[in-house]
Amino acid sequence: MVAITLIGGLIACNSERLVRSVAGLVVCFIGVAALYFFLNSPFVSMMQILIYVGAVAVTISFAIMLAAPEEKKKVGPSSVLAGPLGFSTAALCTGGFTVLALKTEWPVHQKITDGSMKSIGLQLLTEYSMVFELISIVLLVAIIGALVIARQGREN
């Protein structure tokens, strides 16, 4: 699952076409959802799929399709400090996360739910109803943002 997530992230970051980047992002989101599922959190996994794969990625896809096609950007010389600064930032973050991961105790928790659709649905409508409503607001904001992007693309 980690490999799928990393491959999706690499496709999303390194693809030249936006549609392929969105497809890579979807693959990455699915990989993250699978990681959540195997980390004994089926509810978060289901929310990951519903929100990010089902709504945000689809909204981004519609925004890309509705916006005007992008023109080729001229790539000019970048700053001399961009490469070393980016590399040192990435090395610092990687080192910090590695130290954090190695020093953290990772206790194994008992399985809270059975991960079935019935238990997820019951939790979604009872215990996590506020989260469900907040997800609706996030999706509404994503739709409005996609419409604004699409409208600006048509006017220009």
Foldseek 3Di string as FASTA:
>chain_A
DVVQLVQLCCQLVPPPDNVSNLVSVLSNLLVVLVVCVVLLHLLVSVVSCCQVVVFLSVLVVLLCVLFADDDDDDDDDDDPCPVVVVVVVVVVVVVVVVVVVVPDDDDRDDRPDPSDPVVSVVCCVPVVVVVVVVSVVVRVVSNVVSVVSSVVRVVD
